[in-house]
Amino acid sequence: MQYLVVLGREAKISLTELEALFSSSKVKQVSPTLAIVTAKFVDINRLGGALKVAKVLDESPTDYLSQLPEGKITLGVSDYSAKASQKSAWALALKYKNLLKRHGRNVRLIPSKSAIISSATAHHNQLGEKLNHIELIKFGDTFATSVGTQNITQYAKRDQARPARDAFVGMLPPKLAQILINLATEGAKEGRLLDPFCGTGVVLQEASLMGYSIYGTDLSDKMINYSERNLSWLAGRYSDIVAKPQLEAGDATNHQWKPAPDFVASEIYLGHPMSQPPAEIKFRTEKESAEALLTAFLKNLAPQIKSGARVALAIPAWLRQNGKYSGLDILDRLDNLGYNLMQYRFASFDDLLYYREGQIVARQIIVLRKK
């Protein structure tokens, strides 16, 4: 089957996540914001970098809509074609509404201020998620029907409703945690995932929801306590989480992880929070500290994991006065540390930068393979 995937804000990161899960031969970018994936199923709830997933129709939209089950129909139309407009998309929606009404169906149209229904509107109206709640997506001559939208409600609950939060150590978005996990596991059905800088447990919570056995360590006893509280809270809300987390205090530069993990996904310490690009001296100090930590951690980890194991990390990069980000000088050391940098079709190392507009400390994603 073919699925149309609406890519997130950082499109190259979204494409890399898809490539890791489905292989580059099964992923085709068809526009700056869209990709087509050939797979048995693409689960929107598994993807941190996708806004929508839609199944490509092998029949005409008219035939598809005429076969919908009995009952009221909620219909939205999004047109991602290059020359689409709000007017053309709305005209298409009215066309299909009138067609359905001629067949005696009751139809409610979802309005939009542009040619595309926003992911928030699609989620609010449960398009693709509830019976007869349809989002018809058009791209050129291709039509697809939504099978789900990024669940911003659940993300917010898992992020903001957790009982133990600490703004000082940073707020890793659950979406980014999912991306890191997918890059590390490449869609493996099971295994033990380690987060050696677990903080408040965001990576661990997302990995447990994906069905992995989770192992978290952190230098701070306080963070271990926070992770314990948050994971206990999560288990009380998701009955399908059965595996108990393994949590222990430990310095990632010398800790011995037993049993050894199958995958590693983590965000290392990003340094001090900043409200403006750092002066040169401050930048060099922060950079040297982060490089020392990352190098010592990778050196300690290498003999403890099997050959071929993936390590997906978010590491810091800083906004400079020229408006560009500058990160860690780690690539030349990887060979001596026992790793290869994973190469991807859709993105280079410099492309995998996760940040909001104007953010001073960005997250550089790096994916390694143990030799």
Protein backbone atom coordinates (compact mmCIF):
# COMPACT_ATOMS: atom_id res chain seq x y z
CA MET A 1 0.00 0.00 0.00
CA GLN A 2 1.01 3.59 -0.46
CA TYR A 3 0.65 6.30 2.16
CA LEU A 4 0.93 10.04 1.76
CA VAL A 5 2.78 11.56 4.71
CA VAL A 6 2.61 15.26 5.53
CA LEU A 7 6.05 16.18 6.85
CA GLY A 8 6.63 18.29 9.94
CA ARG A 9 8.33 21.65 10.30
CA GLU A 10 11.80 20.11 9.99
CA ALA A 11 11.05 18.19 6.80
CA LYS A 12 14.48 16.59 6.45
CA ILE A 13 14.28 15.22 9.98
CA SER A 14 10.82 13.83 9.17
CA LEU A 15 12.17 12.18 6.01
CA THR A 16 15.11 10.70 7.90
CA GLU A 17 12.75 9.22 10.48
CA LEU A 18 10.70 7.62 7.68
CA GLU A 19 13.87 6.33 6.03
CA ALA A 20 15.00 4.72 9.29
CA LEU A 21 11.64 2.98 9.74
CA PHE A 22 10.86 1.94 6.17
CA SER A 23 14.20 2.15 4.24
CA SER A 24 15.08 4.72 1.63
CA SER A 25 13.75 2.58 -1.23
CA LYS A 26 10.23 2.74 0.28
CA VAL A 27 10.20 6.51 0.81
CA LYS A 28 9.79 9.06 -1.98
CA GLN A 29 9.66 12.80 -1.41
CA VAL A 30 7.12 14.29 -3.80
CA SER A 31 7.10 17.91 -2.60
CA PRO A 32 8.78 20.02 0.09
CA THR A 33 6.05 18.99 2.54
CA LEU A 34 4.97 15.53 1.32
CA ALA A 35 6.36 12.03 0.98
CA ILE A 36 4.88 8.78 -0.27
CA VAL A 37 5.73 5.65 1.73
CA THR A 38 5.16 2.12 0.46
CA ALA A 39 4.33 -0.06 3.48
CA LYS A 40 1.70 -2.35 4.95
CA PHE A 41 0.77 0.38 7.40
CA VAL A 42 2.10 3.75 8.56
CA ASP A 43 1.11 4.54 12.14
CA ILE A 44 0.86 8.29 12.79
CA ASN A 45 1.12 7.66 16.53
CA ARG A 46 4.56 6.14 16.02
CA LEU A 47 5.94 9.13 14.10
CA GLY A 48 7.26 12.18 15.87
CA GLY A 49 8.01 14.06 12.67
CA ALA A 50 4.79 13.65 10.66
CA LEU A 51 1.70 15.86 10.81
CA LYS A 52 -0.72 13.61 8.91
CA VAL A 53 -0.81 10.18 7.28
CA ALA A 54 -3.25 9.33 4.49
CA LYS A 55 -3.84 6.15 2.51
CA VAL A 56 -3.52 6.69 -1.24
CA LEU A 57 -6.77 5.73 -2.96
CA ASP A 58 -6.70 3.12 -5.71
CA GLU A 59 -10.18 4.26 -6.76
CA SER A 60 -11.72 7.61 -7.57
CA PRO A 61 -12.77 9.89 -4.69
CA THR A 62 -16.35 9.58 -5.93
CA ASP A 63 -16.27 5.78 -5.69
CA TYR A 64 -14.60 5.93 -2.28
CA LEU A 65 -17.10 8.39 -0.82
CA SER A 66 -20.09 6.52 -2.25
CA GLN A 67 -19.08 3.42 -0.27
CA LEU A 68 -18.93 5.08 3.15
CA PRO A 69 -21.03 3.45 5.91
CA GLU A 70 -24.47 4.79 6.75
CA GLY A 71 -24.67 7.85 8.95
CA LYS A 72 -23.71 11.51 8.92
CA ILE A 73 -20.44 12.38 7.16
CA THR A 74 -17.96 15.00 8.33
CA LEU A 75 -15.82 15.96 5.35
CA GLY A 76 -12.73 18.11 4.92
CA VAL A 77 -10.66 18.61 1.79
CA SER A 78 -6.98 19.60 1.75
CA ASP A 79 -5.23 20.32 -1.52
CA TYR A 80 -1.42 20.21 -1.35
CA SER A 81 -1.01 20.76 -5.10
CA ALA A 82 1.37 23.54 -6.12
CA LYS A 83 -1.28 25.93 -7.44
CA ALA A 84 -4.07 25.11 -5.01
CA SER A 85 -5.91 27.88 -3.19
CA GLN A 86 -8.52 28.14 -0.48
CA LYS A 87 -11.08 28.84 -3.20
CA SER A 88 -10.17 25.79 -5.30
CA ALA A 89 -10.06 23.48 -2.28
CA TRP A 90 -13.44 24.73 -1.05
CA ALA A 91 -14.93 24.26 -4.52
CA LEU A 92 -13.72 20.66 -4.46
CA ALA A 93 -15.25 20.14 -1.03
CA LEU A 94 -18.59 21.53 -2.23
CA LYS A 95 -18.46 19.25 -5.27
CA TYR A 96 -18.18 16.14 -3.12
CA LYS A 97 -20.74 17.39 -0.61
CA ASN A 98 -23.28 17.90 -3.39
CA LEU A 99 -22.50 14.49 -4.83
CA LEU A 100 -23.10 12.84 -1.46
CA LYS A 101 -26.30 14.84 -0.88
CA ARG A 102 -27.66 13.57 -4.19
CA HIS A 103 -27.25 10.10 -2.74
CA GLY A 104 -29.23 11.11 0.34
CA ARG A 105 -26.26 11.59 2.67
CA ASN A 106 -26.06 14.21 5.40
CA VAL A 107 -22.70 16.02 5.12
CA ARG A 108 -20.94 18.61 7.30
CA LEU A 109 -18.01 20.38 5.66
CA ILE A 110 -14.94 21.47 7.62
CA PRO A 111 -14.00 25.03 6.62
CA SER A 112 -10.41 26.19 6.23
CA LYS A 113 -8.77 29.56 5.68
CA SER A 114 -6.32 28.03 3.22
CA ALA A 115 -6.14 25.16 0.76
CA ILE A 116 -4.99 22.92 3.61
CA ILE A 117 -6.85 21.99 6.77
CA SER A 118 -4.46 22.52 9.66
CA SER A 119 -3.39 19.52 11.68
CA ALA A 120 -4.98 21.10 14.77
CA THR A 121 -8.35 21.44 13.00
CA ALA A 122 -8.10 17.93 11.58
CA HIS A 123 -7.30 16.51 15.01
CA HIS A 124 -10.08 18.50 16.72
CA ASN A 125 -12.61 17.12 14.24
CA GLN A 126 -11.16 13.59 14.43
CA LEU A 127 -10.68 13.44 10.68
CA GLY A 128 -9.41 10.01 9.74
CA GLU A 129 -9.81 8.82 13.31
CA LYS A 130 -13.57 8.35 13.68
CA LEU A 131 -16.12 6.59 11.48
CA ASN A 132 -17.23 8.80 8.58
CA HIS A 133 -14.95 11.66 9.65
CA ILE A 134 -13.06 12.04 6.40
CA GLU A 135 -10.20 14.22 5.26
CA LEU A 136 -9.72 13.89 1.54
CA ILE A 137 -6.20 14.93 0.59
CA LYS A 138 -5.28 15.90 -2.96
CA PHE A 139 -1.83 16.27 -4.47
CA GLY A 140 -1.81 16.73 -8.23
CA ASP A 141 -3.75 13.80 -9.63
CA THR A 142 -3.28 11.74 -6.46
CA PHE A 143 -6.04 11.43 -3.86
CA ALA A 144 -5.67 9.98 -0.40
CA THR A 145 -7.83 9.67 2.69
CA SER A 146 -6.48 10.50 6.12
CA VAL A 147 -5.86 7.67 8.58
CA GLY A 148 -4.75 9.98 11.36
CA THR A 149 -3.33 13.32 12.45
CA GLN A 150 -0.62 14.13 14.96
CA ASN A 151 -2.32 13.80 18.33
CA ILE A 152 -1.45 17.14 19.90
CA THR A 153 -3.82 16.48 22.81
CA GLN A 154 -1.97 13.36 23.92
CA TYR A 155 1.42 15.02 23.41
CA ALA A 156 0.34 17.89 25.64
CA LYS A 157 -0.91 15.52 28.33
CA ARG A 158 2.28 13.46 28.32
CA ASP A 159 4.39 16.60 28.39
CA GLN A 160 2.54 19.00 30.66
CA ALA A 161 0.56 16.74 32.99
CA ARG A 162 3.52 14.72 34.23
CA PRO A 163 3.87 15.12 38.00
CA ALA A 164 7.64 15.81 37.97
CA ARG A 165 9.03 18.47 35.64
CA ASP A 166 12.20 20.53 35.76
CA ALA A 167 12.61 23.50 33.42
CA PHE A 168 16.28 23.89 34.36
CA VAL A 169 17.30 20.58 32.74
CA GLY A 170 15.34 21.40 29.60
CA MET A 171 12.07 20.17 28.18
CA LEU A 172 12.65 17.48 25.58
CA PRO A 173 9.53 17.43 23.37
CA PRO A 174 7.85 14.00 23.25
CA LYS A 175 7.81 14.30 19.44
CA LEU A 176 11.59 14.60 19.34
CA ALA A 177 11.90 11.72 21.79
CA GLN A 178 9.89 9.57 19.36
CA ILE A 179 12.15 10.59 16.49
CA LEU A 180 15.29 9.65 18.44
CA ILE A 181 13.78 6.29 19.37
CA ASN A 182 12.81 5.54 15.77
CA LEU A 183 16.30 6.46 14.55
CA ALA A 184 17.86 4.16 17.15
CA THR A 185 15.53 1.18 16.80
CA GLU A 186 14.72 1.44 13.09
CA GLY A 187 11.30 0.03 13.91
CA ALA A 188 12.44 -3.10 15.74
CA LYS A 189 9.45 -4.71 17.45
CA GLU A 190 11.15 -5.27 20.79
CA GLY A 191 14.39 -4.78 22.70
CA ARG A 192 15.97 -2.89 25.58
CA LEU A 193 16.39 0.84 25.07
CA LEU A 194 18.82 2.83 27.17
CA ASP A 195 18.66 6.54 27.94
CA PRO A 196 21.92 7.28 29.82
CA PHE A 197 20.96 10.93 30.46
CA CYS A 198 17.33 10.20 31.29
CA GLY A 199 16.46 13.41 33.17
CA THR A 200 12.72 13.42 33.86
CA GLY A 201 12.14 10.36 31.64
CA VAL A 202 10.66 11.70 28.40
CA VAL A 203 12.55 9.29 26.13
CA LEU A 204 11.77 6.42 28.49
CA GLN A 205 8.04 7.18 28.56
CA GLU A 206 7.81 7.30 24.76
CA ALA A 207 9.84 4.10 24.41
CA SER A 208 7.62 2.29 26.89
CA LEU A 209 4.54 3.35 24.91
CA MET A 210 6.18 1.80 21.84
CA GLY A 211 6.58 -1.48 23.68
CA TYR A 212 10.30 -1.44 24.47
CA SER A 213 11.94 -2.49 27.70
CA ILE A 214 13.40 0.70 29.16
CA TYR A 215 16.63 1.35 31.04
CA GLY A 216 17.43 4.81 32.35
CA THR A 217 20.38 6.25 34.20
CA ASP A 218 21.27 9.76 35.27
CA LEU A 219 24.01 11.37 37.32
CA SER A 220 21.39 13.04 39.52
CA ASP A 221 19.43 11.09 42.14
CA LYS A 222 16.78 13.81 41.84
CA MET A 223 16.31 13.05 38.13
CA ILE A 224 16.01 9.33 38.82
CA ASN A 225 13.31 10.11 41.35
CA TYR A 226 11.54 12.31 38.81
CA SER A 227 11.70 9.58 36.16
CA GLU A 228 10.30 7.04 38.62
CA ARG A 229 7.37 9.32 39.44
CA ASN A 230 6.64 10.15 35.81
CA LEU A 231 6.83 6.56 34.60
CA SER A 232 4.60 5.40 37.45
CA TRP A 233 2.12 8.13 36.48
CA LEU A 234 2.27 7.01 32.84
CA ALA A 235 1.71 3.33 33.70
CA GLY A 236 -1.41 4.30 35.63
CA ARG A 237 -2.89 5.82 32.48
CA TYR A 238 -1.88 3.26 29.87
CA SER A 239 -2.95 -0.26 30.81
CA ASP A 240 -0.85 -1.87 28.03
CA ILE A 241 2.44 -0.83 29.65
CA VAL A 242 3.55 -3.98 31.44
CA ALA A 243 7.35 -3.82 31.59
CA LYS A 244 8.82 -2.16 34.67
CA PRO A 245 11.54 0.41 34.07
CA GLN A 246 15.11 -0.19 35.18
CA LEU A 247 16.39 3.03 36.73
CA GLU A 248 19.62 3.75 38.53
CA ALA A 249 21.87 6.67 39.33
CA GLY A 250 25.09 6.64 37.38
CA ASP A 251 27.64 8.76 35.58
CA ALA A 252 27.37 8.06 31.84
CA THR A 253 31.12 8.49 31.43
CA ASN A 254 31.96 5.45 33.58
CA HIS A 255 28.75 3.56 34.37
CA GLN A 256 28.39 -0.13 33.53
CA TRP A 257 24.97 -0.89 32.09
CA LYS A 258 23.78 -4.40 32.92
CA PRO A 259 22.19 -6.01 31.04
CA ALA A 260 23.58 -4.32 27.96
CA PRO A 261 21.05 -2.32 25.91
CA ASP A 262 20.04 -3.10 22.33
CA PHE A 263 19.56 0.58 21.42
CA VAL A 264 20.50 3.95 22.86
CA ALA A 265 18.45 7.13 22.49
CA SER A 266 19.09 10.23 24.55
CA GLU A 267 19.60 13.96 24.83
CA ILE A 268 22.92 14.84 26.43
CA TYR A 269 23.26 17.87 28.67
CA LEU A 270 22.77 20.92 26.43
CA GLY A 271 24.56 23.37 28.67
CA HIS A 272 23.28 26.49 30.34
CA PRO A 273 20.07 28.15 29.11
CA MET A 274 20.70 31.26 27.02
CA SER A 275 18.59 34.22 25.95
CA GLN A 276 21.01 35.55 23.34
CA PRO A 277 23.87 34.20 21.22
CA PRO A 278 26.84 33.64 23.54
CA ALA A 279 30.02 35.67 23.37
CA GLU A 280 32.99 33.82 21.90
CA ILE A 281 34.54 32.92 25.25
CA LYS A 282 31.23 31.61 26.61
CA PHE A 283 30.60 29.67 23.38
CA ARG A 284 34.00 27.97 23.50
CA THR A 285 33.61 27.09 27.17
CA GLU A 286 30.18 25.53 26.65
CA LYS A 287 31.33 23.72 23.51
CA GLU A 288 34.45 22.25 25.12
CA SER A 289 32.46 21.05 28.12
CA ALA A 290 29.83 19.35 25.92
CA GLU A 291 32.48 17.77 23.68
CA ALA A 292 34.33 16.36 26.69
CA LEU A 293 31.12 14.86 28.09
CA LEU A 294 30.04 13.36 24.75
CA THR A 295 33.48 11.91 24.01
CA ALA A 296 33.82 10.32 27.45
CA PHE A 297 30.31 8.87 27.24
CA LEU A 298 30.81 7.35 23.79
CA LYS A 299 34.16 5.90 24.81
CA ASN A 300 32.56 4.28 27.87
CA LEU A 301 29.55 2.98 25.92
CA ALA A 302 31.36 1.44 22.95
CA PRO A 303 32.64 -1.79 24.60
CA GLN A 304 29.27 -2.37 26.26
CA ILE A 305 27.05 -2.59 23.16
CA LYS A 306 27.06 -5.05 20.31
CA SER A 307 28.34 -4.37 16.83
CA GLY A 308 25.69 -2.70 14.67
CA ALA A 309 23.80 -1.16 17.59
CA ARG A 310 22.43 2.33 16.88
CA VAL A 311 22.96 5.33 19.13
CA ALA A 312 20.67 8.32 18.43
CA LEU A 313 21.53 11.48 20.34
CA ALA A 314 20.44 15.09 20.57
CA ILE A 315 23.52 17.22 21.19
CA PRO A 316 23.82 21.02 21.47
CA ALA A 317 24.41 23.58 18.72
CA TRP A 318 24.51 27.31 19.44
CA LEU A 319 23.15 30.24 17.47
CA ARG A 320 25.99 32.55 16.52
CA GLN A 321 26.06 36.24 15.70
CA ASN A 322 25.92 35.47 11.96
CA GLY A 323 22.52 33.80 12.38
CA LYS A 324 23.87 30.27 11.83
CA TYR A 325 24.23 27.42 14.30
CA SER A 326 27.57 25.98 15.30
CA GLY A 327 27.82 22.61 17.01
CA LEU A 328 30.31 20.11 18.35
CA ASP A 329 33.45 18.94 16.55
CA ILE A 330 32.85 15.23 17.03
CA LEU A 331 32.78 13.66 13.56
CA ASP A 332 36.54 13.27 13.19
CA ARG A 333 36.72 11.37 16.49
CA LEU A 334 34.05 8.78 15.80
CA ASP A 335 36.34 6.27 14.10
CA ASN A 336 38.71 6.19 17.06
CA LEU A 337 35.79 5.91 19.45
CA GLY A 338 34.43 2.83 17.66
CA TYR A 339 31.48 4.26 15.70
CA ASN A 340 30.40 5.11 12.19
CA LEU A 341 28.11 8.02 11.41
CA MET A 342 24.86 6.81 9.86
CA GLN A 343 24.36 8.15 6.36
CA TYR A 344 20.89 9.01 5.09
CA ARG A 345 19.56 9.67 1.63
CA PHE A 346 17.41 12.67 2.47
CA ALA A 347 19.61 14.56 4.92
CA SER A 348 23.22 15.23 5.80
CA PHE A 349 24.56 15.65 9.32
CA ASP A 350 24.11 19.43 9.15
CA ASP A 351 20.46 19.04 8.09
CA LEU A 352 19.43 17.25 11.27
CA LEU A 353 18.99 20.37 13.36
CA TYR A 354 15.89 20.69 15.56
CA TYR A 355 14.98 24.17 16.81
CA ARG A 356 12.33 26.86 16.99
CA GLU A 357 12.78 30.19 15.25
CA GLY A 358 15.17 32.31 17.32
CA GLN A 359 16.09 29.50 19.71
CA ILE A 360 19.64 29.99 21.00
CA VAL A 361 20.55 26.40 21.86
CA ALA A 362 19.36 24.01 19.18
CA ARG A 363 19.41 20.22 19.18
CA GLN A 364 21.70 18.60 16.63
CA ILE A 365 20.61 15.01 15.95
CA ILE A 366 23.41 12.52 15.44
CA VAL A 367 22.94 8.80 14.74
CA LEU A 368 25.85 6.42 15.21
CA ARG A 369 26.41 2.76 14.45
CA LYS A 370 28.71 0.73 16.67
CA LYS A 371 31.45 -0.89 14.58
